[in-house]
Each structure stands twice: as structure tokens, then as C-alpha cells.
Protein backbone atom coordinates (compact mmCIF):
# COMPACT_ATOMS: atom_id res chain seq x y z
CA MET A 1 21.26 80.44 -5.44
CA MET A 2 19.86 77.23 -6.90
CA THR A 3 18.21 74.71 -4.61
CA ARG A 4 18.21 70.92 -4.75
CA GLU A 5 14.70 71.06 -6.24
CA ASP A 6 16.11 72.98 -9.22
CA HIS A 7 18.18 69.90 -10.06
CA ALA A 8 15.56 67.23 -9.37
CA PRO A 9 15.54 64.28 -11.79
CA PRO A 10 12.71 63.96 -14.32
CA ALA A 11 9.53 62.23 -13.13
CA GLN A 12 10.27 59.08 -15.18
CA ALA A 13 13.76 58.75 -13.65
CA TRP A 14 14.88 55.63 -11.86
CA ARG A 15 14.05 55.51 -8.17
CA ARG A 16 16.23 53.99 -5.48
CA PRO A 17 14.85 50.74 -4.06
CA GLU A 18 12.65 51.38 -1.04
CA GLY A 19 12.65 49.00 1.88
CA GLY A 20 15.47 46.95 0.40
CA GLU A 21 18.78 46.09 1.96
CA PRO A 22 20.91 49.04 3.03
CA GLY A 23 23.72 49.88 0.69
CA TYR A 24 25.61 52.57 -1.10
CA VAL A 25 23.87 54.62 -3.76
CA TYR A 26 26.69 54.02 -6.26
CA GLU A 27 26.22 50.24 -5.87
CA TRP A 28 22.49 50.59 -6.65
CA VAL A 29 23.23 52.74 -9.70
CA ALA A 30 25.90 50.32 -10.94
CA ALA A 31 23.58 47.34 -10.40
CA HIS A 32 20.75 49.05 -12.29
CA ILE A 33 22.99 49.89 -15.25
CA ALA A 34 24.40 46.33 -15.21
CA ASP A 35 20.82 44.99 -15.31
CA ARG A 36 20.11 47.23 -18.32
CA ILE A 37 23.23 45.85 -20.05
CA ASN A 38 22.36 42.22 -19.23
CA SER A 39 18.79 42.66 -20.47
CA GLY A 40 20.01 44.04 -23.80
CA GLU A 41 18.46 47.47 -23.25
CA LEU A 42 22.01 48.81 -23.57
CA PRO A 43 23.62 46.82 -26.41
CA VAL A 44 27.34 46.17 -26.86
CA TYR A 45 29.25 49.33 -27.86
CA ALA A 46 26.30 51.56 -26.90
CA ARG A 47 27.53 54.82 -25.45
CA LEU A 48 26.49 55.53 -21.87
CA PRO A 49 25.37 59.03 -20.97
CA SER A 50 28.06 61.25 -19.46
CA GLU A 51 28.66 60.89 -15.74
CA LYS A 52 27.07 64.29 -15.25
CA ARG A 53 23.96 63.15 -17.13
CA LEU A 54 23.86 59.86 -15.18
CA ALA A 55 23.97 61.88 -11.94
CA VAL A 56 20.94 63.90 -13.07
CA GLU A 57 19.02 60.86 -14.37
CA TYR A 58 19.54 58.88 -11.16
CA GLY A 59 19.26 61.85 -8.82
CA VAL A 60 22.67 61.22 -7.25
CA SER A 61 25.85 63.23 -6.83
CA LEU A 62 28.46 63.38 -9.57
CA GLY A 63 30.84 61.47 -7.28
CA SER A 64 28.33 58.63 -6.94
CA ALA A 65 27.85 58.48 -10.72
CA ARG A 66 31.63 58.36 -11.21
CA HIS A 67 31.98 55.62 -8.62
CA ALA A 68 29.23 53.60 -10.31
CA THR A 69 30.96 53.80 -13.70
CA ARG A 70 34.27 52.84 -12.06
CA ILE A 71 32.60 49.75 -10.57
CA LEU A 72 31.13 48.83 -13.97
CA ARG A 73 34.58 49.23 -15.57
CA GLU A 74 36.20 47.02 -12.92
CA ARG A 75 33.52 44.35 -13.45
CA GLY A 76 34.00 44.42 -17.22
CA PHE A 77 30.58 45.82 -18.12
CA VAL A 78 31.87 49.02 -19.71
CA MET A 79 35.04 50.49 -21.15
CA THR A 80 36.02 54.15 -21.13
CA ILE A 81 37.94 55.74 -23.95
CA ARG A 82 39.54 59.01 -22.92
CA SER A 83 37.88 62.04 -24.53
CA LYS A 84 35.37 59.75 -26.29
CA GLY A 85 33.09 58.39 -23.59
CA THR A 86 32.06 55.21 -21.81
CA PHE A 87 30.71 52.31 -23.86
CA VAL A 88 29.17 48.91 -23.13
CA ALA A 89 31.97 46.36 -23.38
CA PRO A 90 31.60 43.12 -25.33
CA ARG A 91 31.16 40.09 -23.08
CA ASN A 92 32.69 36.70 -23.81
CA ALA A 93 30.53 33.67 -24.52
CA LYS A 94 31.06 32.28 -20.98
CA GLY A 95 29.32 35.32 -19.48
CA ASP A 96 32.38 36.38 -17.47
């Protein structure tokens, strides 16, 4: 049987904020990805890693990764095309 250590994220992976305000892991993941989009690190139409890959990179459950991408979709940061993937959505000039 595999242990949690067998699925540990790589050393350079994002770390959850320590000592910050309490909150849900999926909100932290969504906020971090949104920051990457706003900074231009993830340009418009860039494909996001699969939810499974996001879960591994962030060291969270698959459910938390799915919830984070759902939040990003609802906030207009990303768009998901069935059987194609999730991509950074274009933002209008007003920044909405």
C-alpha cells in the first residue's frame, strides 16, 4: 500500500501560507493561481495543468483542486472546454 509520503509534492512546490488567516485549502490554491494569471506568469489561453496534476503540485486532494478550478471558472479567470482542458480566459479591458 502506498503512503502519503509516496505522493508528496516536489520540493519546489507551492507551500500553503503559514500563520495567515484560516481558510479553505481550495481558496488558497485558487488565489495562488489567480495571482499567477494576474502577474502574467500564466498568459491568456495558456493551458492549466490537469486537476490531478494541480493536486500533486499543490499537495492537496483532487477534490480541492477541482473546487479551486471551479472557483476560478466562476470568477472568470479560466474556461474549461470539455475533453480539451482548462485555459486562462481573456479578461476585458476594465479588469472585470
